[in-house]
């Protein structure tokens, strides 16, 4: 079973959620092409916000929107940023990462992303091209991004756990 990631970001962003109004669900290459055509031309070359909702659907929103809003406030199977490129008249995924400080999904959430992209018929790189390792400090509670495999808290220097621990029981 896929891990569900709850929202762990700032509480002040919760008021931006509009229940029943998540990001655009993408179920096919045609859906993606139509959604991208609606976006301003200068934004098509930038990453977009994505979530994989708990039903396994790929949902997209403009980059400067919150993952929490894209997910309509619910938990996700993954979240991050995604970029598309034209490939022989079709759009394909050229970059994808799990950068979401609101959900802090583990790099092990890739299979949920791959499954959603496969269902939509979208070519993809086969893994996160920009993987990020998130951990919560057990001493001070700080959320950390682990860089260069240095598992130490940026705030208090305490050791960080090897396993993902940002959920409610983490």
Protein backbone atom coordinates (compact mmCIF):
# COMPACT_ATOMS: atom_id res chain seq x y z
CA UNK A 1 0.00 0.00 0.00
CA UNK A 2 1.20 3.50 -0.81
CA UNK A 3 2.18 5.75 2.09
CA UNK A 4 -0.12 8.73 2.53
CA UNK A 5 1.64 11.97 3.34
CA UNK A 6 -0.27 14.40 5.53
CA UNK A 7 0.24 18.13 5.29
CA UNK A 8 3.10 19.11 7.64
CA UNK A 9 3.67 22.71 6.51
CA UNK A 10 2.72 26.04 8.07
CA UNK A 11 -0.78 26.21 9.57
CA UNK A 12 -1.34 29.70 8.13
CA UNK A 13 -1.61 28.20 4.64
CA UNK A 14 -4.65 26.12 5.57
CA UNK A 15 -6.98 29.07 4.93
CA UNK A 16 -6.01 29.00 1.21
CA UNK A 17 -7.64 25.59 0.70
CA UNK A 18 -10.89 25.54 -1.22
CA UNK A 19 -12.54 22.18 -0.51
CA UNK A 20 -13.67 20.46 -3.68
CA UNK A 21 -11.36 22.60 -5.85
CA UNK A 22 -8.11 20.66 -6.23
CA UNK A 23 -5.56 21.09 -9.01
CA UNK A 24 -6.48 19.93 -12.51
CA UNK A 25 -6.64 16.16 -12.82
CA UNK A 26 -4.60 14.88 -15.75
CA UNK A 27 -5.74 11.51 -17.07
CA UNK A 28 -4.25 11.57 -20.57
CA UNK A 29 -1.74 13.27 -22.85
CA UNK A 30 -4.68 15.19 -24.35
CA UNK A 31 -5.68 16.45 -20.87
CA UNK A 32 -2.12 17.64 -20.32
CA UNK A 33 -1.94 19.37 -23.72
CA UNK A 34 -5.25 21.15 -23.08
CA UNK A 35 -4.21 22.26 -19.58
CA UNK A 36 -0.82 23.48 -20.77
CA UNK A 37 -2.50 25.44 -23.60
CA UNK A 38 -4.48 27.32 -20.91
CA UNK A 39 -1.30 28.35 -19.08
CA UNK A 40 0.56 31.57 -19.94
CA UNK A 41 3.25 30.84 -22.55
CA UNK A 42 6.08 32.11 -20.34
CA UNK A 43 5.08 29.68 -17.56
CA UNK A 44 5.13 26.54 -19.73
CA UNK A 45 8.93 26.46 -19.51
CA UNK A 46 8.87 26.52 -15.71
CA UNK A 47 8.09 23.68 -13.32
CA UNK A 48 4.50 23.20 -12.22
CA UNK A 49 3.18 22.14 -8.84
CA UNK A 50 1.94 18.55 -8.77
CA UNK A 51 0.40 16.15 -6.31
CA UNK A 52 -0.65 12.55 -6.60
CA UNK A 53 -3.91 12.40 -4.67
CA UNK A 54 -4.89 9.40 -2.56
CA UNK A 55 -6.86 7.99 -5.50
CA UNK A 56 -3.62 7.94 -7.51
CA UNK A 57 -4.56 10.86 -9.79
CA UNK A 58 -2.00 13.34 -11.08
CA UNK A 59 -3.11 16.89 -10.28
CA UNK A 60 -1.39 20.03 -11.57
CA UNK A 61 -1.41 23.69 -10.61
CA UNK A 62 0.70 26.72 -11.51
CA UNK A 63 4.15 26.72 -9.89
CA UNK A 64 3.48 29.50 -7.42
CA UNK A 65 0.48 27.74 -5.94
CA UNK A 66 0.69 25.65 -2.80
CA UNK A 67 0.74 21.86 -2.88
CA UNK A 68 -1.86 21.98 -0.11
CA UNK A 69 -4.26 23.88 -2.40
CA UNK A 70 -3.55 21.53 -5.33
CA UNK A 71 -4.48 18.62 -3.03
CA UNK A 72 -7.61 20.44 -1.74
CA UNK A 73 -6.22 20.08 1.78
CA UNK A 74 -6.03 16.30 1.77
CA UNK A 75 -3.15 13.87 2.17
CA UNK A 76 -1.17 12.83 -0.91
CA UNK A 77 0.81 9.86 -2.22
CA UNK A 78 3.48 12.27 -3.49
CA UNK A 79 4.01 15.94 -4.28
CA UNK A 80 6.60 18.15 -5.89
CA UNK A 81 7.45 20.03 -9.05
CA UNK A 82 7.26 18.76 -12.62
CA UNK A 83 8.43 20.11 -15.98
CA UNK A 84 7.25 19.17 -19.45
CA UNK A 85 8.87 19.36 -22.88
CA UNK A 86 7.53 18.91 -26.39
CA UNK A 87 8.70 15.63 -27.85
CA UNK A 88 7.62 14.88 -31.42
CA UNK A 89 4.38 16.84 -31.12
CA UNK A 90 3.55 15.41 -27.68
CA UNK A 91 4.32 16.63 -24.21
CA UNK A 92 6.51 14.45 -21.98
CA UNK A 93 7.94 14.83 -18.50
CA UNK A 94 11.54 16.05 -18.63
CA UNK A 95 12.13 16.87 -14.93
CA UNK A 96 10.30 15.83 -11.78
CA UNK A 97 11.18 16.14 -8.11
CA UNK A 98 9.60 15.70 -4.71
CA UNK A 99 10.21 19.30 -3.59
CA UNK A 100 7.23 20.09 -1.38
CA UNK A 101 7.89 21.60 2.01
CA UNK A 102 4.19 21.31 2.79
CA UNK A 103 4.12 17.51 2.46
CA UNK A 104 7.83 16.57 2.55
CA UNK A 105 7.28 13.30 0.67
CA UNK A 106 10.01 10.68 0.80
CA UNK A 107 11.92 9.71 -2.34
CA UNK A 108 10.20 6.32 -1.99
CA UNK A 109 6.99 8.01 -3.21
CA UNK A 110 8.25 7.73 -6.82
CA UNK A 111 6.19 4.60 -7.68
CA UNK A 112 2.95 6.55 -7.08
CA UNK A 113 4.19 9.28 -9.46
CA UNK A 114 5.26 6.74 -12.08
CA UNK A 115 1.92 4.94 -11.90
CA UNK A 116 -0.05 8.19 -12.38
CA UNK A 117 2.15 9.25 -15.30
CA UNK A 118 1.90 5.80 -16.88
CA UNK A 119 -1.91 5.81 -16.55
CA UNK A 120 -1.98 9.19 -18.29
CA UNK A 121 0.26 7.86 -21.07
CA UNK A 122 3.03 10.37 -20.34
CA UNK A 123 6.67 9.51 -21.00
CA UNK A 124 8.84 10.19 -17.96
CA UNK A 125 12.45 9.79 -16.80
CA UNK A 126 11.79 6.71 -14.62
CA UNK A 127 12.67 8.33 -11.30
CA UNK A 128 12.90 11.66 -9.55
CA UNK A 129 15.41 13.80 -11.43
CA UNK A 130 15.62 16.12 -8.41
CA UNK A 131 15.19 13.91 -5.33
CA UNK A 132 15.08 15.58 -1.93
CA UNK A 133 15.47 13.81 1.42
CA UNK A 134 13.34 15.33 4.19
CA UNK A 135 13.70 14.54 7.90
CA UNK A 136 12.37 15.99 11.16
CA UNK A 137 14.88 16.49 13.94
CA UNK A 138 13.94 14.29 16.91
CA UNK A 139 15.57 16.78 19.30
CA UNK A 140 14.21 20.19 18.21
CA UNK A 141 11.46 19.30 15.72
CA UNK A 142 12.99 21.30 12.84
CA UNK A 143 12.13 20.08 9.32
CA UNK A 144 15.37 19.49 7.41
CA UNK A 145 16.51 18.87 3.87
CA UNK A 146 19.37 16.39 3.98
CA UNK A 147 22.21 17.46 1.69
CA UNK A 148 25.18 15.35 0.63
CA UNK A 149 24.02 12.50 2.90
CA UNK A 150 24.78 14.68 5.95
CA UNK A 151 22.07 13.53 8.37
CA UNK A 152 22.45 16.32 10.94
CA UNK A 153 19.90 18.96 11.93
CA UNK A 154 20.62 22.38 10.45
CA UNK A 155 19.24 24.04 13.61
CA UNK A 156 20.73 22.03 16.47
CA UNK A 157 23.21 19.59 14.82
CA UNK A 158 21.48 16.53 16.31
CA UNK A 159 21.63 13.35 14.23
CA UNK A 160 18.69 12.83 11.88
CA UNK A 161 17.09 9.42 11.42
CA UNK A 162 17.78 7.35 8.32
CA UNK A 163 14.04 6.70 7.75
CA UNK A 164 11.40 9.28 6.79
CA UNK A 165 9.74 10.65 9.97
CA UNK A 166 7.60 13.66 9.11
CA UNK A 167 4.19 12.04 9.58
CA UNK A 168 2.01 12.62 12.62
CA UNK A 169 3.70 9.78 14.49
CA UNK A 170 7.19 10.59 13.14
